[in-house]
Amino acid sequence: MVATYFPGRGTLFEETYLEGKAEGKAESILSVLDKRGIPVPEATRDRITTCTDLDTLTLWFDRSLTANTAEDLFADG
């Protein structure tokens, strides 16, 4: 869960803002994998683009920098 402290917290405005942040993070993950020449199966692409948890997306982004396969994003540990 991401805590935010700006006016409008808990409102539709905040929800829309966070959705945009998640969308941008998902696009960044896919871009990194693309630039590194790592193929992304459709199911994996869907999992990334439908995730709305910013902490999870940040973890996946960090992993995208060193992953050997797209599935490595989801590895435990």
C-alpha atoms as a PDB file:
ATOM      1  CA  MET A   1       0.000   0.000   0.000  1.00  0.00           C
ATOM      2  CA  VAL A   2       1.322   3.397  -0.903  1.00  0.00           C
ATOM      3  CA  ALA A   3       0.697   6.223   1.525  1.00  0.00           C
ATOM      4  CA  THR A   4       0.157   9.613  -0.005  1.00  0.00           C
ATOM      5  CA  TYR A   5      -0.249  12.897   1.774  1.00  0.00           C
ATOM      6  CA  PHE A   6      -1.539  15.420  -0.695  1.00  0.00           C
ATOM      7  CA  PRO A   7      -4.864  17.235  -0.768  1.00  0.00           C
ATOM      8  CA  GLY A   8      -7.503  14.918  -2.132  1.00  0.00           C
ATOM      9  CA  ARG A   9      -6.192  11.857  -0.333  1.00  0.00           C
ATOM     10  CA  GLY A  10      -8.725   9.041  -0.464  1.00  0.00           C
ATOM     11  CA  THR A  11     -10.600  10.640  -3.341  1.00  0.00           C
ATOM     12  CA  LEU A  12     -11.197   9.789  -6.963  1.00  0.00           C
ATOM     13  CA  PHE A  13      -8.447  12.289  -7.790  1.00  0.00           C
ATOM     14  CA  GLU A  14      -5.925  10.311  -5.741  1.00  0.00           C
ATOM     15  CA  GLU A  15      -7.111   7.011  -7.177  1.00  0.00           C
ATOM     16  CA  THR A  16      -6.711   8.336 -10.722  1.00  0.00           C
ATOM     17  CA  TYR A  17      -3.278   9.727  -9.879  1.00  0.00           C
ATOM     18  CA  LEU A  18      -2.096   6.390  -8.452  1.00  0.00           C
ATOM     19  CA  GLU A  19      -3.489   4.477 -11.426  1.00  0.00           C
ATOM     20  CA  GLY A  20      -1.450   6.746 -13.690  1.00  0.00           C
ATOM     21  CA  LYS A  21       1.667   6.103 -11.607  1.00  0.00           C
ATOM     22  CA  ALA A  22       1.090   2.340 -11.837  1.00  0.00           C
ATOM     23  CA  GLU A  23       0.504   2.550 -15.580  1.00  0.00           C
ATOM     24  CA  GLY A  24       3.722   4.507 -16.045  1.00  0.00           C
ATOM     25  CA  LYS A  25       5.715   2.058 -13.937  1.00  0.00           C
ATOM     26  CA  ALA A  26       4.332  -0.902 -15.921  1.00  0.00           C
ATOM     27  CA  GLU A  27       5.309   0.811 -19.185  1.00  0.00           C
ATOM     28  CA  SER A  28       8.810   1.390 -17.802  1.00  0.00           C
ATOM     29  CA  ILE A  29       9.191  -2.288 -16.939  1.00  0.00           C
ATOM     30  CA  LEU A  30       8.128  -3.342 -20.418  1.00  0.00           C
ATOM     31  CA  SER A  31      10.428  -0.747 -21.974  1.00  0.00           C
ATOM     32  CA  VAL A  32      13.450  -1.979 -20.010  1.00  0.00           C
ATOM     33  CA  LEU A  33      12.753  -5.572 -21.001  1.00  0.00           C
ATOM     34  CA  ASP A  34      12.324  -4.519 -24.633  1.00  0.00           C
ATOM     35  CA  LYS A  35      15.565  -2.518 -24.663  1.00  0.00           C
ATOM     36  CA  ARG A  36      17.385  -5.479 -23.139  1.00  0.00           C
ATOM     37  CA  GLY A  37      15.993  -7.768 -25.862  1.00  0.00           C
ATOM     38  CA  ILE A  38      14.006  -9.904 -23.458  1.00  0.00           C
ATOM     39  CA  PRO A  39      10.812 -11.308 -24.983  1.00  0.00           C
ATOM     40  CA  VAL A  40       7.635 -10.777 -22.957  1.00  0.00           C
ATOM     41  CA  PRO A  41       4.888 -13.374 -23.432  1.00  0.00           C
ATOM     42  CA  GLU A  42       1.350 -11.973 -23.632  1.00  0.00           C
ATOM     43  CA  ALA A  43       0.361 -13.471 -20.255  1.00  0.00           C
ATOM     44  CA  THR A  44       3.360 -11.803 -18.598  1.00  0.00           C
ATOM     45  CA  ARG A  45       2.601  -8.487 -20.321  1.00  0.00           C
ATOM     46  CA  ASP A  46      -0.981  -8.701 -19.035  1.00  0.00           C
ATOM     47  CA  ARG A  47       0.194  -9.453 -15.494  1.00  0.00           C
ATOM     48  CA  ILE A  48       2.463  -6.408 -15.539  1.00  0.00           C
ATOM     49  CA  THR A  49      -0.024  -3.994 -17.101  1.00  0.00           C
ATOM     50  CA  THR A  50      -2.929  -5.002 -14.855  1.00  0.00           C
ATOM     51  CA  CYS A  51      -0.977  -4.709 -11.597  1.00  0.00           C
ATOM     52  CA  THR A  52      -1.955  -1.628  -9.592  1.00  0.00           C
ATOM     53  CA  ASP A  53       0.298  -2.141  -6.553  1.00  0.00           C
ATOM     54  CA  LEU A  54       3.142   0.385  -6.761  1.00  0.00           C
ATOM     55  CA  ASP A  55       5.378  -1.544  -4.350  1.00  0.00           C
ATOM     56  CA  THR A  56       5.083  -4.670  -6.492  1.00  0.00           C
ATOM     57  CA  LEU A  57       5.677  -2.726  -9.678  1.00  0.00           C
ATOM     58  CA  THR A  58       8.756  -1.097  -8.150  1.00  0.00           C
ATOM     59  CA  LEU A  59      10.113  -4.525  -7.214  1.00  0.00           C
ATOM     60  CA  TRP A  60       9.451  -5.811 -10.736  1.00  0.00           C
ATOM     61  CA  PHE A  61      11.099  -2.723 -12.228  1.00  0.00           C
ATOM     62  CA  ASP A  62      14.222  -3.279 -10.138  1.00  0.00           C
ATOM     63  CA  ARG A  63      14.289  -6.917 -11.226  1.00  0.00           C
ATOM     64  CA  SER A  64      13.790  -5.946 -14.883  1.00  0.00           C
ATOM     65  CA  LEU A  65      17.223  -4.332 -14.830  1.00  0.00           C
ATOM     66  CA  THR A  66      18.982  -7.672 -14.282  1.00  0.00           C
ATOM     67  CA  ALA A  67      16.436 -10.354 -15.250  1.00  0.00           C
ATOM     68  CA  ASN A  68      17.386 -12.970 -17.830  1.00  0.00           C
ATOM     69  CA  THR A  69      13.747 -13.706 -18.693  1.00  0.00           C
ATOM     70  CA  ALA A  70      10.495 -11.814 -18.159  1.00  0.00           C
ATOM     71  CA  GLU A  71       9.373 -14.543 -15.759  1.00  0.00           C
ATOM     72  CA  ASP A  72      12.345 -13.669 -13.508  1.00  0.00           C
ATOM     73  CA  LEU A  73      10.379 -10.590 -12.424  1.00  0.00           C
ATOM     74  CA  PHE A  74       8.067 -12.811 -10.410  1.00  0.00           C
ATOM     75  CA  ALA A  75      10.700 -15.041  -8.753  1.00  0.00           C
ATOM     76  CA  ASP A  76      10.421 -15.491  -5.005  1.00  0.00           C
ATOM     77  CA  GLY A  77      13.366 -14.418  -2.908  1.00  0.00           C
END
